Amino acid sequence: MATRSGGATAEAPKIVWNERDKRFETKGKKAYLEYKLRNGGKVMDIIHTFVPSSKRGLGLASHLSVAAFNHAQY
């Protein structure tokens, strides 16, 4: 989990699975992780992550990745 200056732990952002667009996104859709499925949906390839410069350094890409990994386990 990301920490902000002063040592306070930031609250984990809400990550939404956008199945139609094959993305995991923050609630405002400004940060996202794109993926593709192959082998009949048995393999998830993570293609791209994006975090706007104003939100970088907060661990958003990590939260997006963890959401994708947790989803892929099922």
N, C-alpha and C. Protein backbone atom coordinates (compact mmCIF):
# COMPACT_ATOMS: atom_id res chain seq x y z
N MET A 1 0.84 -1.18 0.00
CA MET A 1 0.00 0.00 0.00
C MET A 1 0.88 1.24 0.00
N ALA A 2 0.49 2.23 -0.71
CA ALA A 2 1.29 3.45 -0.82
C ALA A 2 1.21 4.27 0.46
N THR A 3 2.27 4.98 0.73
CA THR A 3 2.26 5.90 1.86
C THR A 3 2.49 7.30 1.33
N ARG A 4 1.88 8.23 1.97
CA ARG A 4 2.05 9.64 1.60
C ARG A 4 3.07 10.26 2.54
N SER A 5 3.56 11.42 2.14
CA SER A 5 4.53 12.08 3.02
C SER A 5 3.91 12.30 4.39
N GLY A 6 4.71 12.13 5.40
CA GLY A 6 4.20 12.22 6.76
C GLY A 6 3.93 10.84 7.34
N GLY A 7 4.08 9.79 6.51
CA GLY A 7 3.96 8.44 7.02
C GLY A 7 2.54 7.88 7.05
N ALA A 8 1.52 8.65 6.71
CA ALA A 8 0.15 8.15 6.74
C ALA A 8 -0.07 7.21 5.56
N THR A 9 -0.75 6.10 5.83
CA THR A 9 -1.04 5.14 4.77
C THR A 9 -2.26 5.60 3.99
N ALA A 10 -2.13 5.61 2.66
CA ALA A 10 -3.25 6.02 1.81
C ALA A 10 -4.27 4.89 1.75
N GLU A 11 -5.53 5.27 1.64
CA GLU A 11 -6.60 4.28 1.50
C GLU A 11 -6.52 3.65 0.11
N ALA A 12 -6.74 2.35 0.04
CA ALA A 12 -6.69 1.65 -1.25
C ALA A 12 -7.79 2.19 -2.17
N PRO A 13 -7.44 2.46 -3.42
CA PRO A 13 -8.45 2.98 -4.36
C PRO A 13 -9.43 1.88 -4.77
N LYS A 14 -10.62 2.28 -5.16
CA LYS A 14 -11.59 1.33 -5.68
C LYS A 14 -11.20 0.98 -7.10
N ILE A 15 -11.02 -0.31 -7.36
CA ILE A 15 -10.67 -0.80 -8.69
C ILE A 15 -11.88 -1.51 -9.26
N VAL A 16 -12.24 -1.18 -10.50
CA VAL A 16 -13.42 -1.73 -11.17
C VAL A 16 -12.97 -2.58 -12.34
N TRP A 17 -13.58 -3.76 -12.49
CA TRP A 17 -13.32 -4.62 -13.64
C TRP A 17 -14.26 -4.23 -14.76
N ASN A 18 -13.72 -3.77 -15.87
CA ASN A 18 -14.49 -3.40 -17.06
C ASN A 18 -14.34 -4.55 -18.05
N GLU A 19 -15.20 -5.54 -17.93
CA GLU A 19 -15.09 -6.76 -18.74
C GLU A 19 -15.21 -6.47 -20.23
N ARG A 20 -16.11 -5.58 -20.60
CA ARG A 20 -16.33 -5.27 -22.02
C ARG A 20 -15.07 -4.72 -22.69
N ASP A 21 -14.38 -3.81 -22.02
CA ASP A 21 -13.18 -3.19 -22.59
C ASP A 21 -11.90 -3.90 -22.19
N LYS A 22 -12.03 -5.00 -21.44
CA LYS A 22 -10.87 -5.78 -20.96
C LYS A 22 -9.86 -4.89 -20.23
N ARG A 23 -10.39 -4.23 -19.20
CA ARG A 23 -9.58 -3.31 -18.40
C ARG A 23 -9.95 -3.42 -16.93
N PHE A 24 -8.99 -3.11 -16.09
CA PHE A 24 -9.23 -2.83 -14.68
C PHE A 24 -8.95 -1.35 -14.53
N GLU A 25 -9.87 -0.63 -13.87
CA GLU A 25 -9.78 0.84 -13.84
C GLU A 25 -10.03 1.37 -12.44
N THR A 26 -9.49 2.55 -12.19
CA THR A 26 -9.88 3.26 -10.98
C THR A 26 -11.30 3.77 -11.23
N LYS A 27 -11.96 4.14 -10.19
CA LYS A 27 -13.36 4.54 -10.30
C LYS A 27 -13.57 5.65 -11.33
N GLY A 28 -12.67 6.60 -11.42
CA GLY A 28 -12.80 7.68 -12.39
C GLY A 28 -12.28 7.35 -13.78
N LYS A 29 -11.81 6.13 -13.97
CA LYS A 29 -11.29 5.63 -15.25
C LYS A 29 -10.04 6.36 -15.73
N LYS A 30 -9.35 7.05 -14.83
CA LYS A 30 -8.16 7.79 -15.24
C LYS A 30 -6.90 6.92 -15.21
N ALA A 31 -6.87 5.94 -14.33
CA ALA A 31 -5.75 4.99 -14.29
C ALA A 31 -6.34 3.63 -14.65
N TYR A 32 -5.59 2.85 -15.44
CA TYR A 32 -6.14 1.57 -15.88
C TYR A 32 -5.04 0.58 -16.25
N LEU A 33 -5.44 -0.68 -16.31
CA LEU A 33 -4.60 -1.78 -16.76
C LEU A 33 -5.38 -2.48 -17.87
N GLU A 34 -4.75 -2.65 -19.03
CA GLU A 34 -5.39 -3.34 -20.15
C GLU A 34 -4.84 -4.75 -20.26
N TYR A 35 -5.70 -5.69 -20.64
CA TYR A 35 -5.27 -7.08 -20.79
C TYR A 35 -5.93 -7.71 -22.01
N LYS A 36 -5.37 -8.83 -22.44
CA LYS A 36 -5.96 -9.66 -23.48
C LYS A 36 -6.03 -11.08 -22.96
N LEU A 37 -7.07 -11.80 -23.36
CA LEU A 37 -7.20 -13.20 -23.00
C LEU A 37 -6.83 -14.07 -24.19
N ARG A 38 -6.20 -15.21 -23.92
CA ARG A 38 -5.89 -16.17 -24.97
C ARG A 38 -6.06 -17.58 -24.42
N ASN A 39 -5.88 -18.55 -25.28
CA ASN A 39 -6.09 -19.96 -24.92
C ASN A 39 -7.48 -20.18 -24.31
N GLY A 40 -8.48 -19.65 -25.01
CA GLY A 40 -9.86 -19.84 -24.54
C GLY A 40 -10.15 -19.16 -23.23
N GLY A 41 -9.45 -18.10 -22.92
CA GLY A 41 -9.66 -17.37 -21.68
C GLY A 41 -8.89 -17.92 -20.49
N LYS A 42 -8.02 -18.88 -20.73
CA LYS A 42 -7.24 -19.48 -19.64
C LYS A 42 -5.98 -18.69 -19.30
N VAL A 43 -5.55 -17.82 -20.22
CA VAL A 43 -4.34 -17.03 -20.02
C VAL A 43 -4.68 -15.55 -20.16
N MET A 44 -4.26 -14.75 -19.20
CA MET A 44 -4.45 -13.30 -19.26
C MET A 44 -3.08 -12.65 -19.47
N ASP A 45 -2.94 -11.96 -20.59
CA ASP A 45 -1.72 -11.19 -20.86
C ASP A 45 -1.98 -9.74 -20.48
N ILE A 46 -1.19 -9.21 -19.57
CA ILE A 46 -1.30 -7.79 -19.22
C ILE A 46 -0.53 -7.01 -20.26
N ILE A 47 -1.21 -6.12 -20.94
CA ILE A 47 -0.66 -5.40 -22.08
C ILE A 47 -0.09 -4.05 -21.68
N HIS A 48 -0.80 -3.34 -20.82
CA HIS A 48 -0.43 -1.94 -20.59
C HIS A 48 -1.04 -1.46 -19.28
N THR A 49 -0.29 -0.64 -18.55
CA THR A 49 -0.86 0.11 -17.44
C THR A 49 -0.65 1.59 -17.72
N PHE A 50 -1.57 2.40 -17.24
CA PHE A 50 -1.45 3.84 -17.39
C PHE A 50 -1.92 4.51 -16.11
N VAL A 51 -1.11 5.44 -15.63
CA VAL A 51 -1.46 6.28 -14.49
C VAL A 51 -1.11 7.70 -14.89
N PRO A 52 -2.08 8.64 -14.80
CA PRO A 52 -1.77 10.02 -15.17
C PRO A 52 -0.67 10.59 -14.28
N SER A 53 0.10 11.50 -14.82
CA SER A 53 1.25 12.05 -14.09
C SER A 53 0.85 12.64 -12.73
N SER A 54 -0.35 13.17 -12.64
CA SER A 54 -0.80 13.77 -11.37
C SER A 54 -1.06 12.73 -10.29
N LYS A 55 -1.15 11.45 -10.66
CA LYS A 55 -1.45 10.38 -9.70
C LYS A 55 -0.29 9.40 -9.54
N ARG A 56 0.82 9.64 -10.19
CA ARG A 56 1.96 8.72 -10.11
C ARG A 56 2.61 8.78 -8.74
N GLY A 57 3.20 7.66 -8.35
CA GLY A 57 3.87 7.57 -7.06
C GLY A 57 2.96 7.19 -5.91
N LEU A 58 1.70 6.90 -6.20
CA LEU A 58 0.74 6.54 -5.16
C LEU A 58 0.46 5.04 -5.11
N GLY A 59 1.11 4.27 -5.99
CA GLY A 59 0.90 2.83 -5.99
C GLY A 59 -0.30 2.36 -6.79
N LEU A 60 -0.86 3.22 -7.63
CA LEU A 60 -2.05 2.83 -8.39
C LEU A 60 -1.79 1.67 -9.34
N ALA A 61 -0.65 1.66 -10.03
CA ALA A 61 -0.33 0.55 -10.93
C ALA A 61 -0.25 -0.75 -10.15
N SER A 62 0.28 -0.70 -8.96
CA SER A 62 0.34 -1.89 -8.11
C SER A 62 -1.05 -2.38 -7.75
N HIS A 63 -1.94 -1.47 -7.35
CA HIS A 63 -3.32 -1.85 -7.01
C HIS A 63 -4.04 -2.43 -8.22
N LEU A 64 -3.83 -1.85 -9.39
CA LEU A 64 -4.44 -2.38 -10.61
C LEU A 64 -3.92 -3.79 -10.91
N SER A 65 -2.62 -3.98 -10.75
CA SER A 65 -2.01 -5.29 -11.01
C SER A 65 -2.52 -6.34 -10.04
N VAL A 66 -2.60 -6.00 -8.78
CA VAL A 66 -3.10 -6.96 -7.78
C VAL A 66 -4.55 -7.34 -8.10
N ALA A 67 -5.37 -6.39 -8.50
CA ALA A 67 -6.76 -6.70 -8.86
C ALA A 67 -6.79 -7.67 -10.05
N ALA A 68 -5.95 -7.44 -11.05
CA ALA A 68 -5.90 -8.33 -12.22
C ALA A 68 -5.41 -9.72 -11.81
N PHE A 69 -4.35 -9.79 -11.00
CA PHE A 69 -3.82 -11.08 -10.56
C PHE A 69 -4.87 -11.86 -9.76
N ASN A 70 -5.54 -11.16 -8.85
CA ASN A 70 -6.58 -11.83 -8.05
C ASN A 70 -7.71 -12.34 -8.93
N HIS A 71 -8.09 -11.55 -9.90
CA HIS A 71 -9.15 -11.96 -10.84
C HIS A 71 -8.71 -13.16 -11.66
N ALA A 72 -7.46 -13.18 -12.09
CA ALA A 72 -6.94 -14.27 -12.94
C ALA A 72 -6.90 -15.60 -12.19
N GLN A 73 -6.84 -15.58 -10.90
CA GLN A 73 -6.79 -16.82 -10.13
C GLN A 73 -8.07 -17.63 -10.24
N TYR A 74 -9.17 -16.99 -10.61
CA TYR A 74 -10.46 -17.69 -10.66
C TYR A 74 -10.70 -18.24 -11.99
